[in-house]
Amino acid sequence: MEDTRGQMRDLIGKLFRDAGYEVPELLDYIDKLEEDNAALAENARKWRLEAARRSGPGTGMNSRLRDALRE
C-alpha cells in the first residue's frame, strides 16, 4: 500500500511539473483522506467483530423454529 501511495505521489508531482505549477494543499488533502479512510476501515473491522460476538448461534431464529430443531 505504501508503495502505491508513493507511486501516486510521484505521478501527481509529475503532473504538477508538466503543468508548470504545484498545489501542495492537494497533497495534504489526499493525505488527510487516506488517514480518514484507514480510520474508517479500522472502525468497520471493529464493528464487524463486535456484531459477530453479539450475535450468538441461533439468535436470529424464532422460538418455534428452535423448538422444532430441538425435537
PDB file of N, CA and C in Angstrom:
ATOM      1  N   MET A   1       0.842  -1.203   0.000  1.00  0.00           N
ATOM      2  CA  MET A   1       0.000   0.000   0.000  1.00  0.00           C
ATOM      3  C   MET A   1       0.876   1.251   0.000  1.00  0.00           C
ATOM      4  N   GLU A   2       1.897   1.248   0.843  1.00  0.00           N
ATOM      5  CA  GLU A   2       2.777   2.424   0.918  1.00  0.00           C
ATOM      6  C   GLU A   2       3.464   2.654  -0.418  1.00  0.00           C
ATOM      7  N   ASP A   3       3.840   1.560  -1.103  1.00  0.00           N
ATOM      8  CA  ASP A   3       4.492   1.678  -2.399  1.00  0.00           C
ATOM      9  C   ASP A   3       3.554   2.345  -3.399  1.00  0.00           C
ATOM     10  N   THR A   4       2.300   1.936  -3.403  1.00  0.00           N
ATOM     11  CA  THR A   4       1.315   2.525  -4.303  1.00  0.00           C
ATOM     12  C   THR A   4       1.128   4.002  -3.980  1.00  0.00           C
ATOM     13  N   ARG A   5       1.091   4.308  -2.675  1.00  0.00           N
ATOM     14  CA  ARG A   5       0.937   5.703  -2.264  1.00  0.00           C
ATOM     15  C   ARG A   5       2.096   6.538  -2.784  1.00  0.00           C
ATOM     16  N   GLY A   6       3.306   6.022  -2.659  1.00  0.00           N
ATOM     17  CA  GLY A   6       4.484   6.738  -3.154  1.00  0.00           C
ATOM     18  C   GLY A   6       4.444   6.929  -4.658  1.00  0.00           C
ATOM     19  N   GLN A   7       3.990   5.881  -5.353  1.00  0.00           N
ATOM     20  CA  GLN A   7       3.880   5.973  -6.810  1.00  0.00           C
ATOM     21  C   GLN A   7       2.867   7.042  -7.211  1.00  0.00           C
ATOM     22  N   MET A   8       1.744   7.092  -6.517  1.00  0.00           N
ATOM     23  CA  MET A   8       0.712   8.086  -6.833  1.00  0.00           C
ATOM     24  C   MET A   8       1.226   9.497  -6.553  1.00  0.00           C
ATOM     25  N   ARG A   9       1.958   9.656  -5.447  1.00  0.00           N
ATOM     26  CA  ARG A   9       2.530  10.978  -5.145  1.00  0.00           C
ATOM     27  C   ARG A   9       3.508  11.393  -6.249  1.00  0.00           C
ATOM     28  N   ASP A  10       4.314  10.446  -6.731  1.00  0.00           N
ATOM     29  CA  ASP A  10       5.258  10.739  -7.821  1.00  0.00           C
ATOM     30  C   ASP A  10       4.515  11.149  -9.087  1.00  0.00           C
ATOM     31  N   LEU A  11       3.419  10.431  -9.387  1.00  0.00           N
ATOM     32  CA  LEU A  11       2.642  10.774 -10.583  1.00  0.00           C
ATOM     33  C   LEU A  11       2.003  12.158 -10.467  1.00  0.00           C
ATOM     34  N   ILE A  12       1.501  12.472  -9.285  1.00  0.00           N
ATOM     35  CA  ILE A  12       0.917  13.803  -9.084  1.00  0.00           C
ATOM     36  C   ILE A  12       2.002  14.867  -9.204  1.00  0.00           C
ATOM     37  N   GLY A  13       3.183  14.577  -8.655  1.00  0.00           N
ATOM     38  CA  GLY A  13       4.305  15.507  -8.792  1.00  0.00           C
ATOM     39  C   GLY A  13       4.672  15.731 -10.241  1.00  0.00           C
ATOM     40  N   LYS A  14       4.662  14.666 -11.034  1.00  0.00           N
ATOM     41  CA  LYS A  14       4.948  14.794 -12.470  1.00  0.00           C
ATOM     42  C   LYS A  14       3.885  15.645 -13.159  1.00  0.00           C
ATOM     43  N   LEU A  15       2.611  15.411 -12.786  1.00  0.00           N
ATOM     44  CA  LEU A  15       1.547  16.241 -13.363  1.00  0.00           C
ATOM     45  C   LEU A  15       1.758  17.712 -13.021  1.00  0.00           C
ATOM     46  N   PHE A  16       2.138  17.978 -11.782  1.00  0.00           N
ATOM     47  CA  PHE A  16       2.403  19.368 -11.373  1.00  0.00           C
ATOM     48  C   PHE A  16       3.533  19.961 -12.212  1.00  0.00           C
ATOM     49  N   ARG A  17       4.611  19.193 -12.344  1.00  0.00           N
ATOM     50  CA  ARG A  17       5.754  19.708 -13.122  1.00  0.00           C
ATOM     51  C   ARG A  17       5.361  19.947 -14.580  1.00  0.00           C
ATOM     52  N   ASP A  18       4.600  19.005 -15.144  1.00  0.00           N
ATOM     53  CA  ASP A  18       4.170  19.154 -16.533  1.00  0.00           C
ATOM     54  C   ASP A  18       3.260  20.368 -16.707  1.00  0.00           C
ATOM     55  N   ALA A  19       2.442  20.636 -15.695  1.00  0.00           N
ATOM     56  CA  ALA A  19       1.519  21.771 -15.774  1.00  0.00           C
ATOM     57  C   ALA A  19       2.232  23.089 -15.488  1.00  0.00           C
ATOM     58  N   GLY A  20       3.380  23.021 -14.851  1.00  0.00           N
ATOM     59  CA  GLY A  20       4.142  24.239 -14.570  1.00  0.00           C
ATOM     60  C   GLY A  20       3.767  24.916 -13.266  1.00  0.00           C
ATOM     61  N   TYR A  21       2.999  24.267 -12.422  1.00  0.00           N
ATOM     62  CA  TYR A  21       2.686  24.819 -11.101  1.00  0.00           C
ATOM     63  C   TYR A  21       2.383  23.681 -10.136  1.00  0.00           C
ATOM     64  N   GLU A  22       2.393  24.001  -8.860  1.00  0.00           N
ATOM     65  CA  GLU A  22       2.124  22.996  -7.832  1.00  0.00           C
ATOM     66  C   GLU A  22       1.002  23.449  -6.915  1.00  0.00           C
ATOM     67  N   VAL A  23       0.304  22.472  -6.358  1.00  0.00           N
ATOM     68  CA  VAL A  23      -0.761  22.738  -5.400  1.00  0.00           C
ATOM     69  C   VAL A  23      -0.504  21.836  -4.180  1.00  0.00           C
ATOM     70  N   PRO A  24       0.343  22.286  -3.255  1.00  0.00           N
ATOM     71  CA  PRO A  24       0.681  21.434  -2.112  1.00  0.00           C
ATOM     72  C   PRO A  24      -0.533  21.104  -1.241  1.00  0.00           C
ATOM     73  N   GLU A  25      -1.549  21.977  -1.268  1.00  0.00           N
ATOM     74  CA  GLU A  25      -2.762  21.705  -0.486  1.00  0.00           C
ATOM     75  C   GLU A  25      -3.447  20.427  -0.963  1.00  0.00           C
ATOM     76  N   LEU A  26      -3.318  20.132  -2.250  1.00  0.00           N
ATOM     77  CA  LEU A  26      -3.922  18.925  -2.799  1.00  0.00           C
ATOM     78  C   LEU A  26      -3.281  17.685  -2.183  1.00  0.00           C
ATOM     79  N   LEU A  27      -1.969  17.676  -2.066  1.00  0.00           N
ATOM     80  CA  LEU A  27      -1.280  16.541  -1.462  1.00  0.00           C
ATOM     81  C   LEU A  27      -1.656  16.404   0.016  1.00  0.00           C
ATOM     82  N   ASP A  28      -1.770  17.535   0.711  1.00  0.00           N
ATOM     83  CA  ASP A  28      -2.196  17.496   2.119  1.00  0.00           C
ATOM     84  C   ASP A  28      -3.605  16.932   2.232  1.00  0.00           C
ATOM     85  N   TYR A  29      -4.471  17.330   1.327  1.00  0.00           N
ATOM     86  CA  TYR A  29      -5.854  16.855   1.324  1.00  0.00           C
ATOM     87  C   TYR A  29      -5.904  15.347   1.060  1.00  0.00           C
ATOM     88  N   ILE A  30      -5.110  14.886   0.116  1.00  0.00           N
ATOM     89  CA  ILE A  30      -5.060  13.455  -0.196  1.00  0.00           C
ATOM     90  C   ILE A  30      -4.556  12.674   1.013  1.00  0.00           C
ATOM     91  N   ASP A  31      -3.538  13.195   1.695  1.00  0.00           N
ATOM     92  CA  ASP A  31      -3.029  12.536   2.900  1.00  0.00           C
ATOM     93  C   ASP A  31      -4.115  12.427   3.963  1.00  0.00           C
ATOM     94  N   LYS A  32      -4.873  13.504   4.136  1.00  0.00           N
ATOM     95  CA  LYS A  32      -5.955  13.503   5.130  1.00  0.00           C
ATOM     96  C   LYS A  32      -7.025  12.482   4.753  1.00  0.00           C
ATOM     97  N   LEU A  33      -7.371  12.412   3.470  1.00  0.00           N
ATOM     98  CA  LEU A  33      -8.358  11.428   3.019  1.00  0.00           C
ATOM     99  C   LEU A  33      -7.873   9.998   3.261  1.00  0.00           C
ATOM    100  N   GLU A  34      -6.591   9.762   3.029  1.00  0.00           N
ATOM    101  CA  GLU A  34      -6.037   8.428   3.275  1.00  0.00           C
ATOM    102  C   GLU A  34      -6.101   8.072   4.757  1.00  0.00           C
ATOM    103  N   GLU A  35      -5.795   9.032   5.622  1.00  0.00           N
ATOM    104  CA  GLU A  35      -5.877   8.790   7.066  1.00  0.00           C
ATOM    105  C   GLU A  35      -7.312   8.506   7.483  1.00  0.00           C
ATOM    106  N   ASP A  36      -8.246   9.306   6.967  1.00  0.00           N
ATOM    107  CA  ASP A  36      -9.664   9.100   7.293  1.00  0.00           C
ATOM    108  C   ASP A  36     -10.143   7.732   6.805  1.00  0.00           C
ATOM    109  N   ASN A  37      -9.720   7.352   5.613  1.00  0.00           N
ATOM    110  CA  ASN A  37     -10.115   6.060   5.056  1.00  0.00           C
ATOM    111  C   ASN A  37      -9.579   4.917   5.920  1.00  0.00           C
ATOM    112  N   ALA A  38      -8.339   5.026   6.356  1.00  0.00           N
ATOM    113  CA  ALA A  38      -7.759   3.984   7.210  1.00  0.00           C
ATOM    114  C   ALA A  38      -8.511   3.890   8.533  1.00  0.00           C
ATOM    115  N   ALA A  39      -8.877   5.034   9.107  1.00  0.00           N
ATOM    116  CA  ALA A  39      -9.619   5.042  10.368  1.00  0.00           C
ATOM    117  C   ALA A  39     -11.004   4.430  10.183  1.00  0.00           C
ATOM    118  N   LEU A  40     -11.671   4.756   9.094  1.00  0.00           N
ATOM    119  CA  LEU A  40     -12.990   4.181   8.823  1.00  0.00           C
ATOM    120  C   LEU A  40     -12.909   2.671   8.611  1.00  0.00           C
ATOM    121  N   ALA A  41     -11.892   2.233   7.906  1.00  0.00           N
ATOM    122  CA  ALA A  41     -11.716   0.797   7.676  1.00  0.00           C
ATOM    123  C   ALA A  41     -11.484   0.073   8.998  1.00  0.00           C
ATOM    124  N   GLU A  42     -10.690   0.661   9.876  1.00  0.00           N
ATOM    125  CA  GLU A  42     -10.444   0.065  11.192  1.00  0.00           C
ATOM    126  C   GLU A  42     -11.726   0.022  12.018  1.00  0.00           C
ATOM    127  N   ASN A  43     -12.497   1.105  12.000  1.00  0.00           N
ATOM    128  CA  ASN A  43     -13.767   1.119  12.727  1.00  0.00           C
ATOM    129  C   ASN A  43     -14.730   0.071  12.180  1.00  0.00           C
ATOM    130  N   ALA A  44     -14.800  -0.056  10.876  1.00  0.00           N
ATOM    131  CA  ALA A  44     -15.689  -1.051  10.269  1.00  0.00           C
ATOM    132  C   ALA A  44     -15.272  -2.457  10.695  1.00  0.00           C
ATOM    133  N   ARG A  45     -13.976  -2.697  10.734  1.00  0.00           N
ATOM    134  CA  ARG A  45     -13.479  -4.005  11.175  1.00  0.00           C
ATOM    135  C   ARG A  45     -13.883  -4.284  12.620  1.00  0.00           C
ATOM    136  N   LYS A  46     -13.719  -3.291  13.484  1.00  0.00           N
ATOM    137  CA  LYS A  46     -14.099  -3.440  14.897  1.00  0.00           C
ATOM    138  C   LYS A  46     -15.595  -3.681  15.035  1.00  0.00           C
ATOM    139  N   TRP A  47     -16.397  -2.937  14.275  1.00  0.00           N
ATOM    140  CA  TRP A  47     -17.855  -3.086  14.355  1.00  0.00           C
ATOM    141  C   TRP A  47     -18.296  -4.472  13.891  1.00  0.00           C
ATOM    142  N   ARG A  48     -17.654  -4.974  12.833  1.00  0.00           N
ATOM    143  CA  ARG A  48     -17.988  -6.322  12.362  1.00  0.00           C
ATOM    144  C   ARG A  48     -17.660  -7.360  13.424  1.00  0.00           C
ATOM    145  N   LEU A  49     -16.497  -7.204  14.074  1.00  0.00           N
ATOM    146  CA  LEU A  49     -16.129  -8.143  15.131  1.00  0.00           C
ATOM    147  C   LEU A  49     -17.113  -8.074  16.301  1.00  0.00           C
ATOM    148  N   GLU A  50     -17.483  -6.860  16.692  1.00  0.00           N
ATOM    149  CA  GLU A  50     -18.453  -6.703  17.780  1.00  0.00           C
ATOM    150  C   GLU A  50     -19.794  -7.328  17.418  1.00  0.00           C
ATOM    151  N   ALA A  51     -20.246  -7.116  16.200  1.00  0.00           N
ATOM    152  CA  ALA A  51     -21.527  -7.676  15.758  1.00  0.00           C
ATOM    153  C   ALA A  51     -21.463  -9.201  15.741  1.00  0.00           C
ATOM    154  N   ALA A  52     -20.346  -9.756  15.328  1.00  0.00           N
ATOM    155  CA  ALA A  52     -20.202 -11.213  15.296  1.00  0.00           C
ATOM    156  C   ALA A  52     -20.205 -11.787  16.714  1.00  0.00           C
ATOM    157  N   ARG A  53     -19.591 -11.076  17.644  1.00  0.00           N
ATOM    158  CA  ARG A  53     -19.574 -11.536  19.040  1.00  0.00           C
ATOM    159  C   ARG A  53     -20.964 -11.459  19.662  1.00  0.00           C
ATOM    160  N   ARG A  54     -21.678 -10.382  19.372  1.00  0.00           N
ATOM    161  CA  ARG A  54     -23.013 -10.185  19.956  1.00  0.00           C
ATOM    162  C   ARG A  54     -24.016 -11.213  19.476  1.00  0.00           C
ATOM    163  N   SER A  55     -23.934 -11.535  18.204  1.00  0.00           N
ATOM    164  CA  SER A  55     -24.919 -12.466  17.653  1.00  0.00           C
ATOM    165  C   SER A  55     -24.420 -13.884  17.878  1.00  0.00           C
ATOM    166  N   GLY A  56     -24.938 -14.501  18.904  1.00  0.00           N
ATOM    167  CA  GLY A  56     -24.590 -15.884  19.187  1.00  0.00           C
ATOM    168  C   GLY A  56     -25.323 -16.799  18.233  1.00  0.00           C
ATOM    169  N   PRO A  57     -25.005 -18.085  18.304  1.00  0.00           N
ATOM    170  CA  PRO A  57     -25.683 -19.025  17.400  1.00  0.00           C
ATOM    171  C   PRO A  57     -27.168 -19.112  17.712  1.00  0.00           C
ATOM    172  N   GLY A  58     -27.962 -18.998  16.694  1.00  0.00           N
ATOM    173  CA  GLY A  58     -29.397 -19.158  16.859  1.00  0.00           C
ATOM    174  C   GLY A  58     -30.141 -17.921  17.300  1.00  0.00           C
ATOM    175  N   THR A  59     -29.486 -16.796  17.459  1.00  0.00           N
ATOM    176  CA  THR A  59     -30.199 -15.603  17.924  1.00  0.00           C
ATOM    177  C   THR A  59     -31.155 -15.065  16.876  1.00  0.00           C
ATOM    178  N   GLY A  60     -30.922 -15.388  15.614  1.00  0.00           N
ATOM    179  CA  GLY A  60     -31.802 -14.895  14.564  1.00  0.00           C
ATOM    180  C   GLY A  60     -33.031 -15.765  14.350  1.00  0.00           C
ATOM    181  N   MET A  61     -33.073 -16.908  14.980  1.00  0.00           N
ATOM    182  CA  MET A  61     -34.210 -17.819  14.781  1.00  0.00           C
ATOM    183  C   MET A  61     -35.325 -17.504  15.768  1.00  0.00           C
ATOM    184  N   ASN A  62     -36.560 -17.723  15.333  1.00  0.00           N
ATOM    185  CA  ASN A  62     -37.651 -17.529  16.284  1.00  0.00           C
ATOM    186  C   ASN A  62     -37.783 -18.773  17.166  1.00  0.00           C
ATOM    187  N   SER A  63     -38.495 -18.662  18.259  1.00  0.00           N
ATOM    188  CA  SER A  63     -38.531 -19.733  19.258  1.00  0.00           C
ATOM    189  C   SER A  63     -39.186 -21.006  18.724  1.00  0.00           C
ATOM    190  N   ARG A  64     -40.192 -20.898  17.884  1.00  0.00           N
ATOM    191  CA  ARG A  64     -40.825 -22.105  17.341  1.00  0.00           C
ATOM    192  C   ARG A  64     -39.851 -22.907  16.483  1.00  0.00           C
ATOM    193  N   LEU A  65     -39.055 -22.196  15.713  1.00  0.00           N
ATOM    194  CA  LEU A  65     -38.075 -22.881  14.878  1.00  0.00           C
ATOM    195  C   LEU A  65     -37.037 -23.580  15.755  1.00  0.00           C
ATOM    196  N   ARG A  66     -36.588 -22.913  16.811  1.00  0.00           N
ATOM    197  CA  ARG A  66     -35.630 -23.539  17.728  1.00  0.00           C
ATOM    198  C   ARG A  66     -36.232 -24.782  18.372  1.00  0.00           C
ATOM    199  N   ASP A  67     -37.492 -24.684  18.787  1.00  0.00           N
ATOM    200  CA  ASP A  67     -38.155 -25.837  19.396  1.00  0.00           C
ATOM    201  C   ASP A  67     -38.247 -26.995  18.401  1.00  0.00           C
ATOM    202  N   ALA A  68     -38.576 -26.699  17.168  1.00  0.00           N
ATOM    203  CA  ALA A  68     -38.692 -27.727  16.141  1.00  0.00           C
ATOM    204  C   ALA A  68     -37.336 -28.388  15.877  1.00  0.00           C
ATOM    205  N   LEU A  69     -36.295 -27.610  15.874  1.00  0.00           N
ATOM    206  CA  LEU A  69     -34.965 -28.167  15.638  1.00  0.00           C
ATOM    207  C   LEU A  69     -34.502 -29.029  16.808  1.00  0.00           C
ATOM    208  N   ARG A  70     -34.912 -28.666  18.001  1.00  0.00           N
ATOM    209  CA  ARG A  70     -34.554 -29.451  19.188  1.00  0.00           C
ATOM    210  C   ARG A  70     -35.171 -30.843  19.149  1.00  0.00           C
ATOM    211  N   GLU A  71     -36.359 -30.965  18.566  1.00  0.00           N
ATOM    212  CA  GLU A  71     -37.066 -32.263  18.550  1.00  0.00           C
ATOM    213  C   GLU A  71     -36.527 -33.238  17.565  1.00  0.00           C
TER     214      GLU A  71
END
